Each structure stands twice: as structure tokens, then as C-alpha cells.
Amino acid sequence: MAIVDDSPKEQYLYPELVLARHVLSERDVNAVIADASDLRYEGGRLKLDGETIDLVYNRVTDFAFEQLEHKALREAYRDGAVVVTPNPHNHALLADKRNLSLLSDPSVLEAWGVEPELRKQLEAIPCTVLVDPDNADTLWKSRKDLFFKPTGGHGGKAVYRGAKVTRGVWTEIMRGGYVAQTLVRPSQRMVAADGVHQALKMDVRLYTYDAQVLLVAARLYQGQTTNFRTPGGGFASVFVV
């Protein structure tokens, strides 16, 4: 098994990769941490230093494996020569933000025959629309109430709060690959960092597998988007009362 990322030792969460390898090794799984560019697809097998890889725990954020350095991974996955988790299909089905433009549209949900109770639950999703030339002028005028996010983005990269979007950034957004989402202000929690009390923004994350919740966690932060850099911030426990 290979735990794969780009330049893994340079990743902020490299210690997490090491922890995953340790947990797997304790369960007699031969796990290695690998750079995606070091993988080779030869003779119908995905290999690392000549050893066959059966399963890839994927941490690469090129979700469709489009970059040249992910060619071996893409071809092995395409041919069913290796199990990849998560994989491009998982991302397209569950994480591509274009899905939110459908799940937040009541008329689409009704046309699909979604049950009223489930439609009611989906109302919690902020209204989301794809940015395109037809709605660009309207979105620009109402930008102060919107967040703009790349459809396949991650970690708050290239995410913009509408009130701070410049004309230059707007030109980039209009080129495509973005959604506009109604701004929802995060809740806050008071924390003490180095003896100083401060209010940090908060979001709650559900970690699931096979439609079952495995873990609930929160992320505390300051700034425009979630991050791990805020002193006193980062992951926090959630207690269900």
C-alpha cells in the first residue's frame, strides 16, 4: 500500500501521513509514503521502486489526475490495475462544488422527485450557482453577499469573499471553473491562546464512510477561509449534548 502525495515530506500534514503508516504497519499492512511522481505503470501493474502497489491512499489534490506527474496513477486507475481511495470518481460524485448548484436548487430537487423531508434538510445548503457569462453582471453587482469558490478547489485556495474581489480577480473568475455561493457567516467560539482570550471562527466537519458518520470535529480559525495557521486554532473536539 502506498500513501501518496506530491513531495510528501514538504506537506504541512506530513506527520499525519506518518501516523497513518504507523497505524497500518501495526496491522501488518506493508505501507510506504511515496511521491506520486515516483510511481510507474509497467506491465499492467502500478509500481514503486520495482514493488507492486495494490492500493493507493491518495492525498494528491489534482483530483482528476490531469497533471503529467500523475500519469502513472491515472493510467493504473483507469485500467483498474490498482485500488485508489479517494479517487476521481469519489471526488466528482461527492466533492465537486458544481453539485451544490443542483442540491441547493429547489426546482431541480422537486423535478428529481426528492422527498419533501429530504428537500427540507437540503435547505441548509447555501444557494450556489455556476459562474458563467450569462450571470456575470448580476453576480458582480451582488458580490458583497457572495463567496466565490473554484469547483474543484481545496483548503481555501483561490477562494474569494465577494466584498474583496478586485476587477483583476473577477476577470479570472469569469473564465470559468467557479461557483458563487451565498455568504453564510460562521459561528464563533472563545478560546484562550497563551493566556489571551479571543473569538475564533468555527466550522463543523463530519467524517463519513459508507453513509455512516465516523467522527465529528471542528476547525477554529481567523481570516477569510479556514486554515491551520491561526494561533490557538486548528482542529477541536466536538461534544454532542
C-alpha atoms as a PDB file:
ATOM      1  CA  MET A   1       0.000   0.000   0.000  1.00  0.00           C
ATOM      2  CA  ALA A   2       1.271   3.486  -0.862  1.00  0.00           C
ATOM      3  CA  ILE A   3       0.301   6.700   0.925  1.00  0.00           C
ATOM      4  CA  VAL A   4       0.727   9.122  -1.969  1.00  0.00           C
ATOM      5  CA  ASP A   5       1.106  12.900  -2.209  1.00  0.00           C
ATOM      6  CA  ASP A   6       3.195  15.445  -4.104  1.00  0.00           C
ATOM      7  CA  SER A   7       6.509  16.000  -2.302  1.00  0.00           C
ATOM      8  CA  PRO A   8       5.000  14.405   0.830  1.00  0.00           C
ATOM      9  CA  LYS A   9       7.793  15.445   3.212  1.00  0.00           C
ATOM     10  CA  GLU A  10       7.108  19.086   2.368  1.00  0.00           C
ATOM     11  CA  GLN A  11       3.390  18.849   3.137  1.00  0.00           C
ATOM     12  CA  TYR A  12       2.057  20.634   6.206  1.00  0.00           C
ATOM     13  CA  LEU A  13       0.253  17.434   7.249  1.00  0.00           C
ATOM     14  CA  TYR A  14       3.201  15.095   6.650  1.00  0.00           C
ATOM     15  CA  PRO A  15       3.079  13.977  10.315  1.00  0.00           C
ATOM     16  CA  GLU A  16      -0.450  12.708   9.605  1.00  0.00           C
ATOM     17  CA  LEU A  17       0.902  10.553   6.759  1.00  0.00           C
ATOM     18  CA  VAL A  18       3.499   9.117   9.113  1.00  0.00           C
ATOM     19  CA  LEU A  19       0.786   8.376  11.683  1.00  0.00           C
ATOM     20  CA  ALA A  20      -1.314   6.600   9.028  1.00  0.00           C
ATOM     21  CA  ARG A  21       1.679   4.493   8.009  1.00  0.00           C
ATOM     22  CA  HIS A  22       2.311   3.578  11.652  1.00  0.00           C
ATOM     23  CA  VAL A  23      -1.320   2.564  12.246  1.00  0.00           C
ATOM     24  CA  LEU A  24      -1.328   0.428   9.101  1.00  0.00           C
ATOM     25  CA  SER A  25       2.024  -1.178   9.907  1.00  0.00           C
ATOM     26  CA  GLU A  26       0.735  -2.178  13.347  1.00  0.00           C
ATOM     27  CA  ARG A  27      -1.970  -4.105  11.480  1.00  0.00           C
ATOM     28  CA  ASP A  28       0.574  -5.925   9.309  1.00  0.00           C
ATOM     29  CA  VAL A  29      -0.062  -3.760   6.235  1.00  0.00           C
ATOM     30  CA  ASN A  30       3.119  -3.034   4.290  1.00  0.00           C
ATOM     31  CA  ALA A  31       2.603   0.720   3.892  1.00  0.00           C
ATOM     32  CA  VAL A  32       5.017   3.245   2.400  1.00  0.00           C
ATOM     33  CA  ILE A  33       4.849   7.010   1.900  1.00  0.00           C
ATOM     34  CA  ALA A  34       5.534   7.922  -1.715  1.00  0.00           C
ATOM     35  CA  ASP A  35       5.766  10.893  -4.056  1.00  0.00           C
ATOM     36  CA  ALA A  36       3.194  10.497  -6.832  1.00  0.00           C
ATOM     37  CA  SER A  37       5.865  11.274  -9.450  1.00  0.00           C
ATOM     38  CA  ASP A  38       7.884   8.220  -8.357  1.00  0.00           C
ATOM     39  CA  LEU A  39       5.120   5.764  -9.320  1.00  0.00           C
ATOM     40  CA  ARG A  40       5.481   3.745 -12.518  1.00  0.00           C
ATOM     41  CA  TYR A  41       2.853   1.862 -14.509  1.00  0.00           C
ATOM     42  CA  GLU A  42       4.557  -1.138 -16.081  1.00  0.00           C
ATOM     43  CA  GLY A  43       3.180  -4.412 -17.393  1.00  0.00           C
ATOM     44  CA  GLY A  44      -0.293  -3.686 -16.116  1.00  0.00           C
ATOM     45  CA  ARG A  45       0.983  -3.037 -12.575  1.00  0.00           C
ATOM     46  CA  LEU A  46       1.486   0.142 -10.582  1.00  0.00           C
ATOM     47  CA  LYS A  47       4.977   0.015  -9.101  1.00  0.00           C
ATOM     48  CA  LEU A  48       7.210   1.885  -6.701  1.00  0.00           C
ATOM     49  CA  ASP A  49      10.917   1.048  -6.796  1.00  0.00           C
ATOM     50  CA  GLY A  50      10.042  -2.204  -8.550  1.00  0.00           C
ATOM     51  CA  GLU A  51       7.488  -3.278  -5.942  1.00  0.00           C
ATOM     52  CA  THR A  52       3.843  -3.722  -6.945  1.00  0.00           C
ATOM     53  CA  ILE A  53       1.349  -1.383  -5.288  1.00  0.00           C
ATOM     54  CA  ASP A  54      -2.112  -2.871  -4.679  1.00  0.00           C
ATOM     55  CA  LEU A  55      -3.780   0.102  -3.010  1.00  0.00           C
ATOM     56  CA  VAL A  56      -3.135   3.856  -3.022  1.00  0.00           C
ATOM     57  CA  TYR A  57      -4.246   6.062  -0.139  1.00  0.00           C
ATOM     58  CA  ASN A  58      -4.486   9.195  -2.247  1.00  0.00           C
ATOM     59  CA  ARG A  59      -3.605  12.622  -0.805  1.00  0.00           C
ATOM     60  CA  VAL A  60      -2.972  14.266  -4.184  1.00  0.00           C
ATOM     61  CA  THR A  61      -5.122  17.365  -4.763  1.00  0.00           C
ATOM     62  CA  ASP A  62      -5.033  17.052  -8.559  1.00  0.00           C
ATOM     63  CA  PHE A  63      -8.379  15.320  -8.180  1.00  0.00           C
ATOM     64  CA  ALA A  64      -8.725  14.147 -11.800  1.00  0.00           C
ATOM     65  CA  PHE A  65      -5.036  13.131 -12.135  1.00  0.00           C
ATOM     66  CA  GLU A  66      -4.601  15.574 -15.023  1.00  0.00           C
ATOM     67  CA  GLN A  67      -1.029  16.674 -14.303  1.00  0.00           C
ATOM     68  CA  LEU A  68       1.861  14.950 -16.073  1.00  0.00           C
ATOM     69  CA  GLU A  69       3.453  13.753 -12.838  1.00  0.00           C
ATOM     70  CA  HIS A  70       0.277  11.783 -12.083  1.00  0.00           C
ATOM     71  CA  LYS A  71       0.224   9.936 -15.410  1.00  0.00           C
ATOM     72  CA  ALA A  72       1.135   6.542 -13.925  1.00  0.00           C
ATOM     73  CA  LEU A  73      -1.503   6.899 -11.228  1.00  0.00           C
ATOM     74  CA  ARG A  74      -4.114   7.976 -13.774  1.00  0.00           C
ATOM     75  CA  GLU A  75      -3.423   5.100 -16.156  1.00  0.00           C
ATOM     76  CA  ALA A  76      -3.340   2.443 -13.434  1.00  0.00           C
ATOM     77  CA  TYR A  77      -6.615   3.732 -12.005  1.00  0.00           C
ATOM     78  CA  ARG A  78      -8.195   3.933 -15.470  1.00  0.00           C
ATOM     79  CA  ASP A  79      -7.243   0.318 -16.206  1.00  0.00           C
ATOM     80  CA  GLY A  80      -8.403  -0.992 -12.819  1.00  0.00           C
ATOM     81  CA  ALA A  81      -4.867  -2.107 -12.022  1.00  0.00           C
ATOM     82  CA  VAL A  82      -4.896  -0.562  -8.542  1.00  0.00           C
ATOM     83  CA  VAL A  83      -7.417   0.464  -5.900  1.00  0.00           C
ATOM     84  CA  VAL A  84      -7.287   4.233  -5.309  1.00  0.00           C
ATOM     85  CA  THR A  85      -9.046   5.846  -2.366  1.00  0.00           C
ATOM     86  CA  PRO A  86     -10.303   8.502  -2.679  1.00  0.00           C
ATOM     87  CA  ASN A  87     -10.325   8.557  -6.470  1.00  0.00           C
ATOM     88  CA  PRO A  88     -11.549  10.839  -9.298  1.00  0.00           C
ATOM     89  CA  HIS A  89     -14.993   9.210  -9.247  1.00  0.00           C
ATOM     90  CA  ASN A  90     -15.331   9.845  -5.499  1.00  0.00           C
ATOM     91  CA  HIS A  91     -14.405  13.485  -5.959  1.00  0.00           C
ATOM     92  CA  ALA A  92     -16.772  14.045  -8.883  1.00  0.00           C
ATOM     93  CA  LEU A  93     -19.636  12.390  -7.026  1.00  0.00           C
ATOM     94  CA  LEU A  94     -19.133  13.852  -3.560  1.00  0.00           C
ATOM     95  CA  ALA A  95     -16.792  16.853  -3.589  1.00  0.00           C
ATOM     96  CA  ASP A  96     -17.077  18.783  -6.849  1.00  0.00           C
ATOM     97  CA  LYS A  97     -18.743  22.060  -5.859  1.00  0.00           C
ATOM     98  CA  ARG A  98     -20.814  22.100  -9.048  1.00  0.00           C
ATOM     99  CA  ASN A  99     -23.012  19.542  -7.295  1.00  0.00           C
ATOM    100  CA  LEU A 100     -24.050  22.243  -4.821  1.00  0.00           C
ATOM    101  CA  SER A 101     -25.692  24.232  -7.623  1.00  0.00           C
ATOM    102  CA  LEU A 102     -28.077  21.299  -8.039  1.00  0.00           C
ATOM    103  CA  LEU A 103     -28.549  20.365  -4.384  1.00  0.00           C
ATOM    104  CA  SER A 104     -29.416  23.971  -3.450  1.00  0.00           C
ATOM    105  CA  ASP A 105     -31.935  24.403  -6.284  1.00  0.00           C
ATOM    106  CA  PRO A 106     -35.477  23.546  -5.051  1.00  0.00           C
ATOM    107  CA  SER A 107     -36.847  23.233  -8.598  1.00  0.00           C
ATOM    108  CA  VAL A 108     -34.198  20.658  -9.527  1.00  0.00           C
ATOM    109  CA  LEU A 109     -34.818  18.634  -6.385  1.00  0.00           C
ATOM    110  CA  GLU A 110     -38.563  18.652  -7.000  1.00  0.00           C
ATOM    111  CA  ALA A 111     -38.059  17.577 -10.627  1.00  0.00           C
ATOM    112  CA  TRP A 112     -35.877  14.707  -9.396  1.00  0.00           C
ATOM    113  CA  GLY A 113     -38.653  13.558  -7.093  1.00  0.00           C
ATOM    114  CA  VAL A 114     -36.662  14.104  -3.894  1.00  0.00           C
ATOM    115  CA  GLU A 115     -38.868  13.520  -0.863  1.00  0.00           C
ATOM    116  CA  PRO A 116     -40.110  16.697   0.901  1.00  0.00           C
ATOM    117  CA  GLU A 117     -38.378  15.797   4.193  1.00  0.00           C
ATOM    118  CA  LEU A 118     -35.018  15.468   2.461  1.00  0.00           C
ATOM    119  CA  ARG A 119     -35.601  18.655   0.476  1.00  0.00           C
ATOM    120  CA  LYS A 120     -36.194  20.429   3.775  1.00  0.00           C
ATOM    121  CA  GLN A 121     -32.840  19.199   5.094  1.00  0.00           C
ATOM    122  CA  LEU A 122     -31.063  20.313   1.927  1.00  0.00           C
ATOM    123  CA  GLU A 123     -32.268  23.879   2.519  1.00  0.00           C
ATOM    124  CA  ALA A 124     -29.251  24.182   4.817  1.00  0.00           C
ATOM    125  CA  ILE A 125     -27.004  24.314   1.729  1.00  0.00           C
ATOM    126  CA  PRO A 126     -26.312  27.959   0.816  1.00  0.00           C
ATOM    127  CA  CYS A 127     -27.676  28.915  -2.601  1.00  0.00           C
ATOM    128  CA  THR A 128     -24.955  28.094  -5.130  1.00  0.00           C
ATOM    129  CA  VAL A 129     -24.764  28.908  -8.848  1.00  0.00           C
ATOM    130  CA  LEU A 130     -22.174  28.319 -11.560  1.00  0.00           C
ATOM    131  CA  VAL A 131     -20.415  31.470 -12.708  1.00  0.00           C
ATOM    132  CA  ASP A 132     -20.863  31.982 -16.448  1.00  0.00           C
ATOM    133  CA  PRO A 133     -21.065  34.904 -18.908  1.00  0.00           C
ATOM    134  CA  ASP A 134     -24.863  34.972 -18.662  1.00  0.00           C
ATOM    135  CA  ASN A 135     -24.978  35.731 -14.929  1.00  0.00           C
ATOM    136  CA  ALA A 136     -21.622  37.510 -14.532  1.00  0.00           C
ATOM    137  CA  ASP A 137     -23.079  41.043 -14.407  1.00  0.00           C
ATOM    138  CA  THR A 138     -25.708  40.079 -11.836  1.00  0.00           C
ATOM    139  CA  LEU A 139     -23.149  38.306  -9.659  1.00  0.00           C
ATOM    140  CA  TRP A 140     -20.747  41.244  -9.819  1.00  0.00           C
ATOM    141  CA  LYS A 141     -23.446  43.638  -8.630  1.00  0.00           C
ATOM    142  CA  SER A 142     -24.380  41.361  -5.700  1.00  0.00           C
ATOM    143  CA  ARG A 143     -20.816  40.200  -4.968  1.00  0.00           C
ATOM    144  CA  LYS A 144     -20.737  41.640  -1.422  1.00  0.00           C
ATOM    145  CA  ASP A 145     -23.189  38.926  -0.345  1.00  0.00           C
ATOM    146  CA  LEU A 146     -21.318  36.107  -2.075  1.00  0.00           C
ATOM    147  CA  PHE A 147     -18.301  33.824  -1.798  1.00  0.00           C
ATOM    148  CA  PHE A 148     -16.567  32.645  -4.963  1.00  0.00           C
ATOM    149  CA  LYS A 149     -15.008  29.174  -4.919  1.00  0.00           C
ATOM    150  CA  PRO A 150     -13.275  27.030  -7.561  1.00  0.00           C
ATOM    151  CA  THR A 151     -15.367  23.963  -8.384  1.00  0.00           C
ATOM    152  CA  GLY A 152     -12.510  21.577  -7.649  1.00  0.00           C
ATOM    153  CA  GLY A 153     -10.641  23.601  -5.062  1.00  0.00           C
ATOM    154  CA  HIS A 154      -9.427  22.627  -1.608  1.00  0.00           C
ATOM    155  CA  GLY A 155      -8.075  24.164   1.573  1.00  0.00           C
ATOM    156  CA  GLY A 156      -9.448  27.627   0.873  1.00  0.00           C
ATOM    157  CA  LYS A 157      -7.100  28.154  -2.099  1.00  0.00           C
ATOM    158  CA  ALA A 158      -8.286  30.654  -4.734  1.00  0.00           C
ATOM    159  CA  VAL A 159     -11.432  31.299  -2.660  1.00  0.00           C
ATOM    160  CA  TYR A 160     -12.605  34.912  -2.561  1.00  0.00           C
ATOM    161  CA  ARG A 161     -15.058  36.817  -0.450  1.00  0.00           C
ATOM    162  CA  GLY A 162     -17.060  38.918  -2.870  1.00  0.00           C
ATOM    163  CA  ALA A 163     -16.617  42.159  -0.957  1.00  0.00           C
ATOM    164  CA  LYS A 164     -12.852  41.940  -1.521  1.00  0.00           C
ATOM    165  CA  VAL A 165     -12.854  40.835  -5.173  1.00  0.00           C
ATOM    166  CA  THR A 166     -10.916  43.180  -7.468  1.00  0.00           C
ATOM    167  CA  ARG A 167     -11.556  43.635 -11.175  1.00  0.00           C
ATOM    168  CA  GLY A 168      -8.425  41.610 -11.919  1.00  0.00           C
ATOM    169  CA  VAL A 169      -9.597  38.688  -9.791  1.00  0.00           C
ATOM    170  CA  TRP A 170     -13.077  38.967 -11.288  1.00  0.00           C
ATOM    171  CA  THR A 171     -11.623  38.546 -14.779  1.00  0.00           C
ATOM    172  CA  GLU A 172     -10.050  35.282 -13.611  1.00  0.00           C
ATOM    173  CA  ILE A 173     -13.306  34.089 -12.027  1.00  0.00           C
ATOM    174  CA  MET A 174     -15.275  34.803 -15.198  1.00  0.00           C
ATOM    175  CA  ARG A 175     -13.008  32.499 -17.197  1.00  0.00           C
ATOM    176  CA  GLY A 176     -14.895  29.610 -15.651  1.00  0.00           C
ATOM    177  CA  GLY A 177     -14.451  26.888 -13.079  1.00  0.00           C
ATOM    178  CA  TYR A 178     -16.067  28.868 -10.232  1.00  0.00           C
ATOM    179  CA  VAL A 179     -19.273  28.811  -8.256  1.00  0.00           C
ATOM    180  CA  ALA A 180     -20.863  31.731  -6.426  1.00  0.00           C
ATOM    181  CA  GLN A 181     -22.287  30.854  -3.034  1.00  0.00           C
ATOM    182  CA  THR A 182     -24.421  32.938  -0.693  1.00  0.00           C
ATOM    183  CA  LEU A 183     -22.292  34.214   2.169  1.00  0.00           C
ATOM    184  CA  VAL A 184     -23.014  32.446   5.472  1.00  0.00           C
ATOM    185  CA  ARG A 185     -21.213  33.970   8.416  1.00  0.00           C
ATOM    186  CA  PRO A 186     -19.541  31.367  10.639  1.00  0.00           C
ATOM    187  CA  SER A 187     -20.320  30.970  14.308  1.00  0.00           C
ATOM    188  CA  GLN A 188     -17.599  31.743  16.847  1.00  0.00           C
ATOM    189  CA  ARG A 189     -16.112  30.275  19.998  1.00  0.00           C
ATOM    190  CA  MET A 190     -13.954  31.862  22.688  1.00  0.00           C
ATOM    191  CA  VAL A 191     -10.576  30.189  23.202  1.00  0.00           C
ATOM    192  CA  ALA A 192      -7.501  31.010  25.266  1.00  0.00           C
ATOM    193  CA  ALA A 193      -4.125  31.047  23.488  1.00  0.00           C
ATOM    194  CA  ASP A 194      -1.043  31.939  25.546  1.00  0.00           C
ATOM    195  CA  GLY A 195      -3.328  33.306  28.226  1.00  0.00           C
ATOM    196  CA  VAL A 196      -5.178  35.627  25.854  1.00  0.00           C
ATOM    197  CA  HIS A 197      -8.875  35.044  25.213  1.00  0.00           C
ATOM    198  CA  GLN A 198     -10.050  35.576  21.662  1.00  0.00           C
ATOM    199  CA  ALA A 199     -13.038  34.746  19.465  1.00  0.00           C
ATOM    200  CA  LEU A 200     -12.268  32.320  16.653  1.00  0.00           C
ATOM    201  CA  LYS A 201     -14.490  31.391  13.745  1.00  0.00           C
ATOM    202  CA  MET A 202     -15.705  27.801  13.676  1.00  0.00           C
ATOM    203  CA  ASP A 203     -16.953  25.204  11.241  1.00  0.00           C
ATOM    204  CA  VAL A 204     -18.000  21.615  11.930  1.00  0.00           C
ATOM    205  CA  ARG A 205     -16.839  18.693   9.794  1.00  0.00           C
ATOM    206  CA  LEU A 206     -18.336  15.234   9.556  1.00  0.00           C
ATOM    207  CA  TYR A 207     -16.060  12.372   8.539  1.00  0.00           C
ATOM    208  CA  THR A 208     -18.102   9.615   6.953  1.00  0.00           C
ATOM    209  CA  TYR A 209     -17.746   6.253   5.262  1.00  0.00           C
ATOM    210  CA  ASP A 210     -20.481   4.270   3.528  1.00  0.00           C
ATOM    211  CA  ALA A 211     -23.088   6.859   4.627  1.00  0.00           C
ATOM    212  CA  GLN A 212     -22.118   6.479   8.297  1.00  0.00           C
ATOM    213  CA  VAL A 213     -20.584   9.223  10.448  1.00  0.00           C
ATOM    214  CA  LEU A 214     -17.252   8.077  11.885  1.00  0.00           C
ATOM    215  CA  LEU A 215     -16.045  11.291  13.523  1.00  0.00           C
ATOM    216  CA  VAL A 216     -17.207  14.838  14.213  1.00  0.00           C
ATOM    217  CA  ALA A 217     -14.619  17.600  14.505  1.00  0.00           C
ATOM    218  CA  ALA A 218     -14.473  21.377  14.369  1.00  0.00           C
ATOM    219  CA  ARG A 219     -11.920  23.704  12.877  1.00  0.00           C
ATOM    220  CA  LEU A 220     -11.161  27.023  14.605  1.00  0.00           C
ATOM    221  CA  TYR A 221      -9.590  29.850  12.630  1.00  0.00           C
ATOM    222  CA  GLN A 222      -9.315  33.537  11.827  1.00  0.00           C
ATOM    223  CA  GLY A 223      -9.230  35.105   8.389  1.00  0.00           C
ATOM    224  CA  GLN A 224     -11.199  34.792   5.190  1.00  0.00           C
ATOM    225  CA  THR A 225     -11.130  30.977   4.964  1.00  0.00           C
ATOM    226  CA  THR A 226     -10.412  28.021   7.215  1.00  0.00           C
ATOM    227  CA  ASN A 227      -6.745  27.376   7.932  1.00  0.00           C
ATOM    228  CA  PHE A 228      -4.326  25.688  10.318  1.00  0.00           C
ATOM    229  CA  ARG A 229      -2.163  28.765  10.828  1.00  0.00           C
ATOM    230  CA  THR A 230      -4.178  30.709  13.408  1.00  0.00           C
ATOM    231  CA  PRO A 231      -2.532  30.667  16.870  1.00  0.00           C
ATOM    232  CA  GLY A 232      -4.822  28.685  19.145  1.00  0.00           C
ATOM    233  CA  GLY A 233      -6.754  27.420  16.099  1.00  0.00           C
ATOM    234  CA  GLY A 234      -6.817  24.148  14.214  1.00  0.00           C
ATOM    235  CA  PHE A 235      -8.878  21.053  14.887  1.00  0.00           C
ATOM    236  CA  ALA A 236     -11.017  20.968  18.023  1.00  0.00           C
ATOM    237  CA  SER A 237     -13.183  18.335  19.657  1.00  0.00           C
ATOM    238  CA  VAL A 238     -16.956  18.376  19.307  1.00  0.00           C
ATOM    239  CA  PHE A 239     -19.094  17.121  22.169  1.00  0.00           C
ATOM    240  CA  VAL A 240     -22.646  16.141  21.312  1.00  0.00           C
ATOM    241  CA  VAL A 241     -25.024  17.024  24.154  1.00  0.00           C
END
